[in-house]
Amino acid sequence: MFAYLAFVKYHMRPSVFADMDMNEKAVVIAFIQQHAKDEQDEMNKAKRG
């Protein structure tokens, strides 16, 4: 799932993600999770007005 998001949203080739070591992948995954959380917070804020 994270490789898909890295490709679709952040234009990272799947081979680049696959070739990363575990620490690099962990950082990318954490960044994607934080971005998703930030987007959700913005959507919730917009709904509240």
C-alpha atoms as a PDB file:
ATOM      1  CA  MET A   1       0.000   0.000   0.000  1.00  0.00           C
ATOM      2  CA  PHE A   2       2.754   2.475   0.862  1.00  0.00           C
ATOM      3  CA  ALA A   3       4.621   1.760  -2.367  1.00  0.00           C
ATOM      4  CA  TYR A   4       1.387   2.533  -4.235  1.00  0.00           C
ATOM      5  CA  LEU A   5       0.921   5.832  -2.393  1.00  0.00           C
ATOM      6  CA  ALA A   6       4.566   6.732  -2.902  1.00  0.00           C
ATOM      7  CA  PHE A   7       4.072   6.184  -6.634  1.00  0.00           C
ATOM      8  CA  VAL A   8       0.666   7.823  -7.089  1.00  0.00           C
ATOM      9  CA  LYS A   9       0.924  10.804  -4.758  1.00  0.00           C
ATOM     10  CA  TYR A  10       4.659  11.449  -4.633  1.00  0.00           C
ATOM     11  CA  HIS A  11       5.783  10.166  -8.054  1.00  0.00           C
ATOM     12  CA  MET A  12       8.359   7.776  -6.598  1.00  0.00           C
ATOM     13  CA  ARG A  13       9.080   4.849  -8.886  1.00  0.00           C
ATOM     14  CA  PRO A  14       8.253   1.488  -7.281  1.00  0.00           C
ATOM     15  CA  SER A  15      11.784   0.248  -7.936  1.00  0.00           C
ATOM     16  CA  VAL A  16      13.187   3.178  -5.954  1.00  0.00           C
ATOM     17  CA  PHE A  17      10.954   2.314  -3.000  1.00  0.00           C
ATOM     18  CA  ALA A  18      11.765  -1.398  -3.315  1.00  0.00           C
ATOM     19  CA  ASP A  19      15.512  -0.728  -3.360  1.00  0.00           C
ATOM     20  CA  MET A  20      15.459   1.330  -0.146  1.00  0.00           C
ATOM     21  CA  ASP A  21      16.784  -0.218   3.024  1.00  0.00           C
ATOM     22  CA  MET A  22      14.371  -0.774   5.905  1.00  0.00           C
ATOM     23  CA  ASN A  23      15.259   2.496   7.650  1.00  0.00           C
ATOM     24  CA  GLU A  24      14.624   4.564   4.528  1.00  0.00           C
ATOM     25  CA  LYS A  25      11.327   2.795   3.925  1.00  0.00           C
ATOM     26  CA  ALA A  26      10.337   3.442   7.534  1.00  0.00           C
ATOM     27  CA  VAL A  27      10.962   7.168   7.074  1.00  0.00           C
ATOM     28  CA  VAL A  28       8.981   7.299   3.823  1.00  0.00           C
ATOM     29  CA  ILE A  29       6.119   5.394   5.460  1.00  0.00           C
ATOM     30  CA  ALA A  30       6.137   7.753   8.449  1.00  0.00           C
ATOM     31  CA  PHE A  31       6.061  10.771   6.118  1.00  0.00           C
ATOM     32  CA  ILE A  32       3.130   9.310   4.165  1.00  0.00           C
ATOM     33  CA  GLN A  33       1.245   8.542   7.380  1.00  0.00           C
ATOM     34  CA  GLN A  34       1.828  12.067   8.680  1.00  0.00           C
ATOM     35  CA  HIS A  35       0.725  13.598   5.389  1.00  0.00           C
ATOM     36  CA  ALA A  36      -2.457  11.492   5.438  1.00  0.00           C
ATOM     37  CA  LYS A  37      -3.144  12.580   9.027  1.00  0.00           C
ATOM     38  CA  ASP A  38      -2.598  16.231   8.115  1.00  0.00           C
ATOM     39  CA  GLU A  39      -4.959  15.930   5.134  1.00  0.00           C
ATOM     40  CA  GLN A  40      -7.611  14.287   7.316  1.00  0.00           C
ATOM     41  CA  ASP A  41      -7.263  17.031   9.932  1.00  0.00           C
ATOM     42  CA  GLU A  42      -7.706  19.682   7.225  1.00  0.00           C
ATOM     43  CA  MET A  43     -10.820  17.940   5.904  1.00  0.00           C
ATOM     44  CA  ASN A  44     -12.292  17.714   9.401  1.00  0.00           C
ATOM     45  CA  LYS A  45     -11.517  21.380  10.023  1.00  0.00           C
ATOM     46  CA  ALA A  46     -13.212  22.373   6.746  1.00  0.00           C
ATOM     47  CA  LYS A  47     -16.319  20.353   7.652  1.00  0.00           C
ATOM     48  CA  ARG A  48     -16.620  22.171  10.972  1.00  0.00           C
ATOM     49  CA  GLY A  49     -16.398  25.520   9.251  1.00  0.00           C
END
